[in-house]
Amino acid sequence: MDGLEQELGDRVIFIRLNIQEQVGMELAPVYKFTFTPTFIFFDAQGNEVWRQIGSFDPQAVRDSLK
């Protein structure tokens, strides 16, 4: 994820949440994630485009930007 953030940092905002910290505990039920890691990709309007649990697929992010 770090490499993808460097590659796409001017086009995508990456936010990492720890569900064991207060903000993560508050947002987990809002975005309905219970497993870690969970990756959620939102479009510019804030709509969820995709989500993935477990391993991170950098190509899925690249494909979503096309």
C-alpha atoms as a PDB file:
ATOM      1  CA  MET A   1       0.000   0.000   0.000  1.00  0.00           C
ATOM      2  CA  ASP A   2       2.897   2.367   0.693  1.00  0.00           C
ATOM      3  CA  GLY A   3       4.197   1.954  -2.857  1.00  0.00           C
ATOM      4  CA  LEU A   4       0.779   2.617  -4.334  1.00  0.00           C
ATOM      5  CA  GLU A   5       0.420   5.686  -2.149  1.00  0.00           C
ATOM      6  CA  GLN A   6       3.696   7.032  -3.530  1.00  0.00           C
ATOM      7  CA  GLU A   7       2.605   6.213  -7.076  1.00  0.00           C
ATOM      8  CA  LEU A   8      -0.903   7.685  -6.853  1.00  0.00           C
ATOM      9  CA  GLY A   9      -0.593  10.142  -3.987  1.00  0.00           C
ATOM     10  CA  ASP A  10      -1.462  13.108  -6.210  1.00  0.00           C
ATOM     11  CA  ARG A  11      -4.733  11.419  -7.345  1.00  0.00           C
ATOM     12  CA  VAL A  12      -5.857   9.370  -4.348  1.00  0.00           C
ATOM     13  CA  ILE A  13      -6.132  10.073  -0.624  1.00  0.00           C
ATOM     14  CA  PHE A  14      -5.108   7.103   1.502  1.00  0.00           C
ATOM     15  CA  ILE A  15      -6.478   6.936   5.030  1.00  0.00           C
ATOM     16  CA  ARG A  16      -5.466   4.258   7.476  1.00  0.00           C
ATOM     17  CA  LEU A  17      -7.581   3.494  10.523  1.00  0.00           C
ATOM     18  CA  ASN A  18      -6.748   1.322  13.467  1.00  0.00           C
ATOM     19  CA  ILE A  19      -9.960  -0.258  14.760  1.00  0.00           C
ATOM     20  CA  GLN A  20      -8.381  -0.540  18.206  1.00  0.00           C
ATOM     21  CA  GLU A  21      -8.175   3.261  18.454  1.00  0.00           C
ATOM     22  CA  GLN A  22     -11.167   5.483  19.210  1.00  0.00           C
ATOM     23  CA  VAL A  23     -11.778   6.822  15.693  1.00  0.00           C
ATOM     24  CA  GLY A  24     -11.516   3.330  14.215  1.00  0.00           C
ATOM     25  CA  MET A  25     -14.000   1.967  16.748  1.00  0.00           C
ATOM     26  CA  GLU A  26     -16.439   4.747  15.885  1.00  0.00           C
ATOM     27  CA  LEU A  27     -16.152   4.303  12.107  1.00  0.00           C
ATOM     28  CA  ALA A  28     -16.221   0.486  11.994  1.00  0.00           C
ATOM     29  CA  PRO A  29     -20.014   0.244  12.396  1.00  0.00           C
ATOM     30  CA  VAL A  30     -20.585   3.212  10.065  1.00  0.00           C
ATOM     31  CA  TYR A  31     -18.694   1.537   7.205  1.00  0.00           C
ATOM     32  CA  LYS A  32     -19.670  -1.970   8.309  1.00  0.00           C
ATOM     33  CA  PHE A  33     -16.268  -3.559   8.596  1.00  0.00           C
ATOM     34  CA  THR A  34     -15.438  -6.140  11.208  1.00  0.00           C
ATOM     35  CA  PHE A  35     -12.396  -7.892   9.773  1.00  0.00           C
ATOM     36  CA  THR A  36      -8.901  -6.526   9.440  1.00  0.00           C
ATOM     37  CA  PRO A  37      -7.469  -5.584   7.218  1.00  0.00           C
ATOM     38  CA  THR A  38     -10.388  -4.234   5.194  1.00  0.00           C
ATOM     39  CA  PHE A  39      -9.699  -1.965   2.234  1.00  0.00           C
ATOM     40  CA  ILE A  40     -12.495   0.293   0.991  1.00  0.00           C
ATOM     41  CA  PHE A  41     -12.176   2.438  -2.134  1.00  0.00           C
ATOM     42  CA  PHE A  42     -14.469   5.449  -2.536  1.00  0.00           C
ATOM     43  CA  ASP A  43     -14.956   7.567  -5.643  1.00  0.00           C
ATOM     44  CA  ALA A  44     -14.691  11.374  -5.625  1.00  0.00           C
ATOM     45  CA  GLN A  45     -18.354  11.650  -4.585  1.00  0.00           C
ATOM     46  CA  GLY A  46     -17.847   9.401  -1.555  1.00  0.00           C
ATOM     47  CA  ASN A  47     -19.565   6.353  -3.016  1.00  0.00           C
ATOM     48  CA  GLU A  48     -18.043   2.983  -2.245  1.00  0.00           C
ATOM     49  CA  VAL A  49     -16.541   1.512  -5.416  1.00  0.00           C
ATOM     50  CA  TRP A  50     -15.206  -1.723  -3.946  1.00  0.00           C
ATOM     51  CA  ARG A  51     -14.024  -3.334  -0.753  1.00  0.00           C
ATOM     52  CA  GLN A  52     -11.598  -6.114  -0.090  1.00  0.00           C
ATOM     53  CA  ILE A  53     -10.880  -8.077   3.056  1.00  0.00           C
ATOM     54  CA  GLY A  54      -7.460  -9.576   3.619  1.00  0.00           C
ATOM     55  CA  SER A  55      -4.673  -9.034   1.149  1.00  0.00           C
ATOM     56  CA  PHE A  56      -4.489  -5.766  -0.748  1.00  0.00           C
ATOM     57  CA  ASP A  57      -4.680  -5.763  -4.550  1.00  0.00           C
ATOM     58  CA  PRO A  58      -2.945  -2.634  -5.908  1.00  0.00           C
ATOM     59  CA  GLN A  59      -4.196  -3.368  -9.418  1.00  0.00           C
ATOM     60  CA  ALA A  60      -7.806  -3.088  -8.250  1.00  0.00           C
ATOM     61  CA  VAL A  61      -7.120   0.510  -7.224  1.00  0.00           C
ATOM     62  CA  ARG A  62      -5.411   1.275 -10.528  1.00  0.00           C
ATOM     63  CA  ASP A  63      -8.319  -0.281 -12.465  1.00  0.00           C
ATOM     64  CA  SER A  64     -10.846   1.751 -10.467  1.00  0.00           C
ATOM     65  CA  LEU A  65      -9.155   4.959 -11.570  1.00  0.00           C
ATOM     66  CA  LYS A  66      -9.628   4.228 -15.268  1.00  0.00           C
END
